[in-house]
Structures are given as structure tokens and as C-alpha cells.
Amino acid sequence: MLRVGIIGLGDISKIHIAAINESSYVELVAVCDIDTTLQSSFKEVPFYTDYQVMLEEVVLDCVHVCLPHYLHYPATEAAVKQGVHVLLEKPLAHNLADSRAIVELEENYPEVKICVSLQNRLNETVEELASIIADGKYGEVKGLKGIVTWHRPKSYYEAKPWRGSMETAGGGVMINQSIHTLDLLQLFGGKIDRIRGSVDRLLDYGYDVEDTATAHIIYQNGATGLFFATISNAQNSSVEFQVILEKAKLTIKDSILTIANENGKKVKLAEDSKLAGSKFYYGASHTKLIDQFYQEIINDGNHYIHAKDAQVSVEMIHVIRESSEAKQTLNMELFHDQK
């Protein structure tokens, strides 16, 4: 029985707690949050307000880090140095320095596993898409499109001010609402050669994080990608993700994967599971990812989303932002080397 803890009891922790409760081979033995009013919900579990103290006093096999972005690195570092495996909520970190520092932790402490919750990779539609692309039946990837048109009111930032600050969040719509889409764009497109990006604040909220971003991506294999994300839409619309192959077009929309052949006829191939009682865009793959990570800990396996895998989307966000400021296309590799 794995002994697990949680650091950070905000909105997303509810998904983690549900996964822990559903598992037959883990036990929640400690939780931590600076908000002491939450303690009443965990009467049977030791409650801490300092994760350093929790990590020192409680024997843990794994800890779930569900903190604001700027706290991802220090909490992960503390856990890893205690020999505790980490299930880290997305994004990897709020900036390049911290994201690369977590990758260094992963390299320097190979006996400790760090899994990043980019759970959309495990959606049924995405797994089927990956299988079709790998099969090669329809040829090579020629183009990709990722579109996120959601809505966030000003109260979203007022409720948790860290979300509206570059210093604490590391960005807005890219790092908060559309990092999963950026992750899939690099996962299926391959290594990125260069990016031309543009970021903006269309909403008059008064915060310094972007609410809208676009990018044209050119991959080393010659494919191109289009990324567009905004929270200025009137409502949360379905994310659309599309991959154009030489002989077919595959589209995920409304949590359904369809394929259109050369004649344009669409056929449904897969549909994502839904998570009852939660926001539709959470999907149901959090539990799947968490359960798989537990099994990799038990079996000392390596099949999970590593910090180095999650680093690419953080790099993309910063290249898009730098490109917007410079008003020119930036080479991804040169940008990486210079930073």
C-alpha cells in the first residue's frame, strides 16, 4: 500500500483526492495547505500548513503537488530530496529557470520519479489518434491545428490573484488554459524548428498575463502548425485539435475523434470518457494518469510523463511570448541555447 500526501488543496486537488479514494493500493496519509479552514474536511488525516514539516514528519511514497505555478519547483525539490515520488500538476513550472531546474532534479535523482499531469495524452481520442499516426497508413503528418476558445470572467482572477500575475502564474491563457493543446502540438508534430507568435490582452481586466495568443509553428520535418487560444470567448467552447496527414484529416472536437478521407467523408473513431460532476474540459484521464503512475512506482517502471517531456510546452510558451515582443520568427533551438 503506497502512502501518499497532497500539497495544495485548491480546485484541482478534488480530482486528485477522488483518484486516491478510488485506488485500492494507495492510502492518503497527510495533506497540506496554508488555509486552515480546510482542515475540517480532513479530520482523519494529519493536516499541515508547511509542506517541509509534512515531508520531514510523515513517511511518504508519493506526494501530489497541486500548488500555484510558482511553487511547483520548491515543493518538488523538497519532496525529491526526501526521496518522495512526485505527481506534479501542470504546468511543469511558471518559467524557464524553474522548469529546467525540475528537469535537473529528475536527472540528478534518477531513483525518484516525477510525473507531470498532462493527462490529455491519455484521452481515448488522443490515444487512438496516436495509434493511427504511428501506423502510417495515411502517410506523414503535414499540418496541425489547436484551437482553444474559452471564457474566464474577471472574478476568476480576483478569486485567486496569483493567476493574474506573470511573477506567480508565468502567463495566462497559454500556461493555464491551453498548455495541454500546446503539448499535443509538439507531441504529434515532432521537433519544432521555429515559431512566430503573438500575445495580447483583449479583455480590460488590468492584469499582466495574456488572455489571447496565436502562433504559427514550423516543424523540423516540414509540417506546419496553427495555435490559437483565448479566454475572451462568450463561453467555454470545445477544444479543437486537428492533424492533417497525406491521405486523411483527423479531428478531435466535442471529445470525439473523426477521420475524413480524401473524399471528405467523416467517420467517428473514438470518444472520450466523461468525468461526472466536474468541468467538461477536465476530461476523465486524470484518474487514469494517476493510477498508471502509482503502478509505475510499485513496479519501478518508467512509463509516465517525465519532467523533460513536459518542459517542451513551457519552452513553447516563452518562445511565443518572445516572438511577439520581437515581432519576428524565432528559432526554437537557438532560443533554447541562448537561455
Protein backbone atom coordinates (compact mmCIF):
# COMPACT_ATOMS: atom_id res chain seq x y z
CA MET A 1 0.00 0.00 0.00
CA LEU A 2 1.52 3.29 -1.14
CA ARG A 3 1.44 6.14 1.36
CA VAL A 4 0.54 9.37 -0.44
CA GLY A 5 0.12 13.01 0.54
CA ILE A 6 -1.21 16.16 -1.10
CA ILE A 7 0.37 19.62 -1.08
CA GLY A 8 -2.21 22.22 -2.04
CA LEU A 9 -5.95 21.73 -1.61
CA GLY A 10 -7.31 24.08 -4.28
CA ASP A 11 -9.79 23.30 -7.06
CA ILE A 12 -7.74 20.69 -8.92
CA SER A 13 -6.95 18.74 -5.74
CA LYS A 14 -10.53 17.43 -5.74
CA ILE A 15 -9.74 15.40 -8.85
CA HIS A 16 -6.63 14.00 -7.19
CA ILE A 17 -8.44 13.17 -3.97
CA ALA A 18 -11.13 11.30 -5.93
CA ALA A 19 -8.45 9.27 -7.72
CA ILE A 20 -6.73 8.46 -4.44
CA ASN A 21 -10.01 7.36 -2.87
CA GLU A 22 -10.81 5.13 -5.85
CA SER A 23 -7.45 3.36 -5.74
CA SER A 24 -7.20 0.04 -3.93
CA TYR A 25 -3.46 0.22 -3.40
CA VAL A 26 -2.83 3.71 -2.02
CA GLU A 27 -3.66 5.45 1.22
CA LEU A 28 -3.92 9.19 1.85
CA VAL A 29 -1.84 9.79 4.97
CA ALA A 30 -1.23 13.58 5.01
CA VAL A 31 -2.41 16.83 3.43
CA CYS A 32 -1.04 20.35 3.43
CA ASP A 33 -2.45 23.81 2.75
CA ILE A 34 -1.98 27.26 4.25
CA ASP A 35 -5.76 27.67 4.51
CA THR A 36 -6.56 26.16 7.91
CA THR A 37 -10.31 26.35 7.28
CA LEU A 38 -9.88 23.30 5.03
CA GLN A 39 -8.75 21.17 7.95
CA SER A 40 -12.32 20.26 8.89
CA SER A 41 -12.63 18.30 5.64
CA PHE A 42 -9.71 16.06 6.59
CA LYS A 43 -10.47 15.04 10.16
CA GLU A 44 -9.00 11.55 9.75
CA VAL A 45 -5.80 12.70 8.01
CA PRO A 46 -2.96 14.77 9.54
CA PHE A 47 -3.22 18.37 8.29
CA TYR A 48 -0.14 20.53 7.79
CA THR A 49 0.38 24.17 6.84
CA ASP A 50 4.08 23.70 5.99
CA TYR A 51 4.99 21.06 3.42
CA GLN A 52 8.60 20.94 4.62
CA VAL A 53 7.37 19.83 8.03
CA MET A 54 4.98 17.32 6.47
CA LEU A 55 7.74 15.79 4.35
CA GLU A 56 10.01 15.51 7.39
CA GLU A 57 7.42 14.08 9.78
CA VAL A 58 5.40 11.74 7.55
CA VAL A 59 6.75 8.71 5.70
CA LEU A 60 5.50 9.11 2.14
CA ASP A 61 5.94 7.14 -1.07
CA CYS A 62 4.37 9.80 -3.29
CA VAL A 63 3.14 13.36 -2.96
CA HIS A 64 0.70 15.19 -5.23
CA VAL A 65 1.77 18.81 -5.80
CA CYS A 66 -1.34 20.89 -6.59
CA LEU A 67 0.05 24.34 -5.87
CA PRO A 68 0.11 27.65 -7.77
CA HIS A 69 2.65 27.53 -10.59
CA TYR A 70 5.43 29.49 -8.88
CA LEU A 71 5.54 26.96 -6.05
CA HIS A 72 5.98 23.91 -8.26
CA TYR A 73 9.76 23.89 -8.17
CA PRO A 74 10.40 24.45 -4.45
CA ALA A 75 7.78 21.87 -3.43
CA THR A 76 9.06 19.33 -5.97
CA GLU A 77 12.64 19.92 -4.87
CA ALA A 78 11.73 19.39 -1.21
CA ALA A 79 9.96 16.13 -1.99
CA VAL A 80 12.61 14.75 -4.32
CA LYS A 81 15.38 15.45 -1.80
CA GLN A 82 13.36 13.44 0.73
CA GLY A 83 13.20 10.57 -1.76
CA VAL A 84 9.46 11.02 -2.33
CA HIS A 85 7.99 10.46 -5.81
CA VAL A 86 6.07 13.45 -7.19
CA LEU A 87 2.81 13.71 -9.12
CA LEU A 88 3.01 17.33 -10.31
CA GLU A 89 0.07 19.26 -11.68
CA LYS A 90 0.60 21.11 -14.94
CA PRO A 91 2.42 23.20 -15.92
CA LEU A 92 5.89 21.92 -15.12
CA ALA A 93 6.71 25.38 -13.72
CA HIS A 94 5.91 29.06 -14.26
CA ASN A 95 9.14 29.98 -16.03
CA LEU A 96 12.11 28.56 -17.92
CA ALA A 97 14.50 28.62 -14.99
CA ASP A 98 12.25 26.63 -12.67
CA SER A 99 11.16 24.19 -15.38
CA ARG A 100 14.77 23.43 -16.24
CA ALA A 101 15.61 23.12 -12.55
CA ILE A 102 12.95 20.42 -12.19
CA VAL A 103 14.39 18.58 -15.20
CA GLU A 104 17.78 18.75 -13.48
CA LEU A 105 16.24 17.24 -10.35
CA GLU A 106 14.92 14.41 -12.50
CA GLU A 107 18.38 13.85 -13.94
CA ASN A 108 20.23 14.12 -10.62
CA TYR A 109 17.83 11.92 -8.65
CA PRO A 110 17.03 9.09 -11.09
CA GLU A 111 15.66 6.92 -8.30
CA VAL A 112 12.84 9.42 -7.70
CA LYS A 113 10.04 9.67 -10.26
CA ILE A 114 8.44 12.97 -11.30
CA CYS A 115 5.22 12.63 -13.29
CA VAL A 116 3.60 15.75 -14.76
CA SER A 117 -0.17 15.78 -15.16
CA LEU A 118 -0.56 16.34 -18.88
CA GLN A 119 -3.40 13.85 -18.74
CA ASN A 120 -4.97 14.71 -22.09
CA ARG A 121 -2.33 12.47 -23.65
CA LEU A 122 -4.31 9.60 -22.15
CA ASN A 123 -7.72 10.62 -23.53
CA GLU A 124 -9.23 7.87 -25.67
CA THR A 125 -9.34 10.18 -28.69
CA VAL A 126 -5.70 11.16 -28.33
CA GLU A 127 -4.53 7.58 -27.84
CA GLU A 128 -6.44 6.48 -30.95
CA LEU A 129 -5.02 9.43 -32.90
CA ALA A 130 -1.51 8.45 -31.84
CA SER A 131 -2.11 4.86 -32.92
CA ILE A 132 -3.34 5.89 -36.37
CA ILE A 133 -0.41 8.24 -36.95
CA ALA A 134 2.09 5.61 -35.80
CA ASP A 135 0.54 3.04 -38.16
CA GLY A 136 1.49 5.20 -41.14
CA LYS A 137 -1.46 4.03 -43.26
CA TYR A 138 -2.43 7.60 -44.14
CA GLY A 139 1.06 8.95 -44.58
CA GLU A 140 3.11 11.55 -42.78
CA VAL A 141 1.91 14.50 -40.72
CA LYS A 142 1.67 17.61 -42.88
CA GLY A 143 -0.16 20.05 -40.65
CA LEU A 144 -1.68 20.55 -37.19
CA LYS A 145 -4.21 22.88 -35.63
CA GLY A 146 -5.00 23.51 -31.98
CA ILE A 147 -7.79 25.93 -31.02
CA VAL A 148 -8.98 26.81 -27.51
CA THR A 149 -11.80 29.38 -27.21
CA TRP A 150 -12.88 29.64 -23.59
CA HIS A 151 -14.26 32.22 -21.19
CA ARG A 152 -12.87 33.45 -17.91
CA PRO A 153 -14.53 36.38 -16.11
CA LYS A 154 -12.53 38.94 -14.17
CA SER A 155 -13.73 37.25 -10.98
CA TYR A 156 -11.63 34.20 -11.95
CA TYR A 157 -8.53 36.30 -11.27
CA GLU A 158 -10.00 38.19 -8.35
CA ALA A 159 -10.74 34.92 -6.54
CA LYS A 160 -7.09 33.84 -6.81
CA PRO A 161 -4.88 36.84 -7.67
CA TRP A 162 -1.80 34.69 -8.35
CA ARG A 163 -3.47 33.65 -11.63
CA GLY A 164 -3.25 37.19 -13.00
CA SER A 165 0.45 37.80 -12.34
CA MET A 166 3.36 36.84 -14.58
CA GLU A 167 5.51 36.57 -11.46
CA THR A 168 3.35 33.85 -9.91
CA ALA A 169 1.44 32.26 -12.83
CA GLY A 170 4.02 32.65 -15.58
CA GLY A 171 1.33 33.60 -18.08
CA GLY A 172 -2.36 33.47 -18.77
CA VAL A 173 -4.28 31.55 -21.40
CA MET A 174 -1.22 29.68 -22.67
CA ILE A 175 0.05 28.27 -19.40
CA ASN A 176 -3.32 27.92 -17.67
CA GLN A 177 -5.98 27.00 -20.21
CA SER A 178 -4.18 25.74 -23.31
CA ILE A 179 -0.95 24.09 -22.22
CA HIS A 180 -2.49 20.68 -22.98
CA THR A 181 -3.08 21.80 -26.57
CA LEU A 182 0.48 23.09 -26.89
CA ASP A 183 1.70 19.77 -25.50
CA LEU A 184 -0.22 17.82 -28.15
CA LEU A 185 1.02 20.13 -30.91
CA GLN A 186 4.61 19.25 -30.08
CA LEU A 187 3.83 15.61 -29.33
CA PHE A 188 2.32 14.92 -32.75
CA GLY A 189 4.17 17.49 -34.83
CA GLY A 190 7.64 16.48 -33.75
CA LYS A 191 10.63 18.64 -33.01
CA ILE A 192 9.95 22.33 -33.57
CA ASP A 193 12.24 24.39 -35.79
CA ARG A 194 10.81 27.89 -35.39
CA ILE A 195 7.78 29.82 -34.15
CA ARG A 196 6.16 33.15 -34.96
CA GLY A 197 3.84 34.11 -32.11
CA SER A 198 1.61 36.93 -30.95
CA VAL A 199 0.13 37.52 -27.49
CA ASP A 200 -2.40 40.12 -26.44
CA ARG A 201 -4.78 41.27 -23.73
CA LEU A 202 -8.16 41.78 -25.38
CA LEU A 203 -10.01 41.95 -22.08
CA ASP A 204 -9.79 45.03 -19.89
CA TYR A 205 -9.07 43.13 -16.68
CA GLY A 206 -5.95 45.05 -15.65
CA TYR A 207 -3.67 42.02 -15.20
CA ASP A 208 -0.31 41.48 -16.87
CA VAL A 209 -0.94 37.94 -18.17
CA GLU A 210 -2.14 37.35 -21.73
CA ASP A 211 -5.74 36.37 -22.46
CA THR A 212 -5.18 35.63 -26.16
CA ALA A 213 -2.33 34.03 -28.07
CA THR A 214 -1.66 32.84 -31.61
CA ALA A 215 1.30 31.09 -33.17
CA HIS A 216 2.49 29.69 -36.47
CA ILE A 217 4.74 26.71 -35.86
CA ILE A 218 7.21 25.22 -38.34
CA TYR A 219 8.49 21.76 -37.51
CA GLN A 220 11.83 20.27 -38.48
CA ASN A 221 10.07 17.66 -40.62
CA GLY A 222 8.46 20.40 -42.73
CA ALA A 223 4.99 20.23 -41.19
CA THR A 224 3.31 23.42 -40.02
CA GLY A 225 1.05 24.10 -37.06
CA LEU A 226 -1.52 26.74 -36.10
CA PHE A 227 -2.22 27.54 -32.45
CA PHE A 228 -4.92 29.89 -31.22
CA ALA A 229 -6.15 30.31 -27.67
CA THR A 230 -8.30 32.89 -25.90
CA ILE A 231 -10.42 33.33 -22.80
CA SER A 232 -12.33 36.22 -24.40
CA ASN A 233 -14.99 33.94 -25.87
CA ALA A 234 -18.57 34.25 -24.58
CA GLN A 235 -18.42 30.71 -23.20
CA ASN A 236 -16.21 27.64 -22.95
CA SER A 237 -16.35 26.02 -26.38
CA SER A 238 -14.92 22.64 -27.25
CA VAL A 239 -11.21 22.47 -27.85
CA GLU A 240 -10.45 21.55 -31.46
CA PHE A 241 -7.33 19.61 -32.33
CA GLN A 242 -6.62 18.52 -35.88
CA VAL A 243 -3.88 16.59 -37.63
CA ILE A 244 -3.65 16.63 -41.42
CA LEU A 245 -1.98 13.57 -42.89
CA GLU A 246 -1.08 12.96 -46.53
CA LYS A 247 -4.22 10.88 -47.11
CA ALA A 248 -6.61 11.83 -44.31
CA LYS A 249 -7.66 14.50 -41.85
CA LEU A 250 -8.15 13.59 -38.19
CA THR A 251 -10.09 15.94 -35.91
CA ILE A 252 -10.87 15.90 -32.20
CA LYS A 253 -13.84 18.10 -31.34
CA ASP A 254 -16.56 17.79 -28.71
CA SER A 255 -14.41 14.98 -27.25
CA ILE A 256 -14.92 12.88 -30.40
CA LEU A 257 -12.25 11.82 -32.89
CA THR A 258 -13.32 11.70 -36.53
CA ILE A 259 -11.43 10.89 -39.69
CA ALA A 260 -12.11 12.41 -43.08
CA ASN A 261 -10.69 10.56 -46.06
CA GLU A 262 -9.67 12.07 -49.39
CA ASN A 263 -13.35 12.33 -50.39
CA GLY A 264 -14.17 14.33 -47.25
CA LYS A 265 -16.37 11.69 -45.65
CA LYS A 266 -16.18 11.78 -41.82
CA VAL A 267 -16.23 8.67 -39.67
CA LYS A 268 -16.29 8.60 -35.86
CA LEU A 269 -13.37 6.66 -34.41
CA ALA A 270 -13.34 7.28 -30.66
CA GLU A 271 -14.94 9.30 -27.88
CA ASP A 272 -13.50 10.43 -24.56
CA SER A 273 -14.88 9.26 -21.25
CA LYS A 274 -16.58 11.95 -19.19
CA LEU A 275 -15.94 12.71 -15.54
CA ALA A 276 -19.25 13.01 -13.73
CA GLY A 277 -19.83 16.16 -11.72
CA SER A 278 -16.81 18.10 -13.00
CA LYS A 279 -15.98 20.70 -15.62
CA PHE A 280 -16.28 19.12 -19.05
CA TYR A 281 -12.80 20.21 -20.10
CA TYR A 282 -11.16 18.30 -17.26
CA GLY A 283 -11.96 15.05 -19.04
CA ALA A 284 -11.62 11.73 -17.25
CA SER A 285 -7.94 10.97 -17.78
CA HIS A 286 -6.60 12.44 -14.53
CA THR A 287 -7.54 9.25 -12.70
CA LYS A 288 -6.03 7.14 -15.46
CA LEU A 289 -2.74 9.04 -15.33
CA ILE A 290 -2.57 8.93 -11.54
CA ASP A 291 -3.36 5.21 -11.42
CA GLN A 292 -0.73 4.45 -14.04
CA PHE A 293 1.86 6.45 -12.12
CA TYR A 294 1.11 4.52 -8.93
CA GLN A 295 1.69 1.30 -10.84
CA GLU A 296 4.99 2.57 -12.21
CA ILE A 297 6.08 3.38 -8.64
CA ILE A 298 5.10 -0.09 -7.43
CA ASN A 299 6.76 -1.85 -10.36
CA ASP A 300 9.67 0.61 -10.63
CA GLY A 301 8.64 1.36 -14.19
CA ASN A 302 9.41 4.27 -16.48
CA HIS A 303 6.16 4.68 -18.43
CA TYR A 304 4.83 8.07 -17.36
CA ILE A 305 5.09 11.73 -18.43
CA HIS A 306 8.51 12.87 -17.27
CA ALA A 307 9.57 16.41 -16.42
CA LYS A 308 11.68 16.52 -19.59
CA ASP A 309 8.55 15.65 -21.62
CA ALA A 310 6.58 18.48 -20.03
CA GLN A 311 9.37 21.00 -20.48
CA VAL A 312 8.75 21.45 -24.22
CA SER A 313 5.37 23.16 -23.80
CA VAL A 314 6.87 25.61 -21.30
CA GLU A 315 9.62 26.38 -23.82
CA MET A 316 6.97 26.93 -26.50
CA ILE A 317 5.11 29.44 -24.34
CA HIS A 318 8.23 31.51 -23.81
CA VAL A 319 9.23 31.40 -27.46
CA ILE A 320 5.74 32.57 -28.46
CA ARG A 321 5.97 35.43 -25.97
CA GLU A 322 9.50 36.39 -27.04
CA SER A 323 8.48 36.22 -30.70
CA SER A 324 5.53 38.51 -30.01
CA GLU A 325 7.76 41.07 -28.32
CA ALA A 326 10.39 40.90 -31.07
CA LYS A 327 7.77 40.80 -33.84
CA GLN A 328 9.73 38.16 -35.68
CA THR A 329 10.08 34.42 -36.09
CA LEU A 330 12.36 32.80 -33.56
CA ASN A 331 14.38 29.63 -33.93
CA MET A 332 13.40 27.23 -31.16
CA GLU A 333 16.85 25.64 -30.79
CA LEU A 334 18.74 28.93 -30.81
CA PHE A 335 16.33 30.35 -28.26
CA HIS A 336 16.89 27.31 -26.07
CA ASP A 337 20.66 27.53 -26.35
CA GLN A 338 20.73 31.26 -25.61
CA LYS A 339 18.65 30.92 -22.46
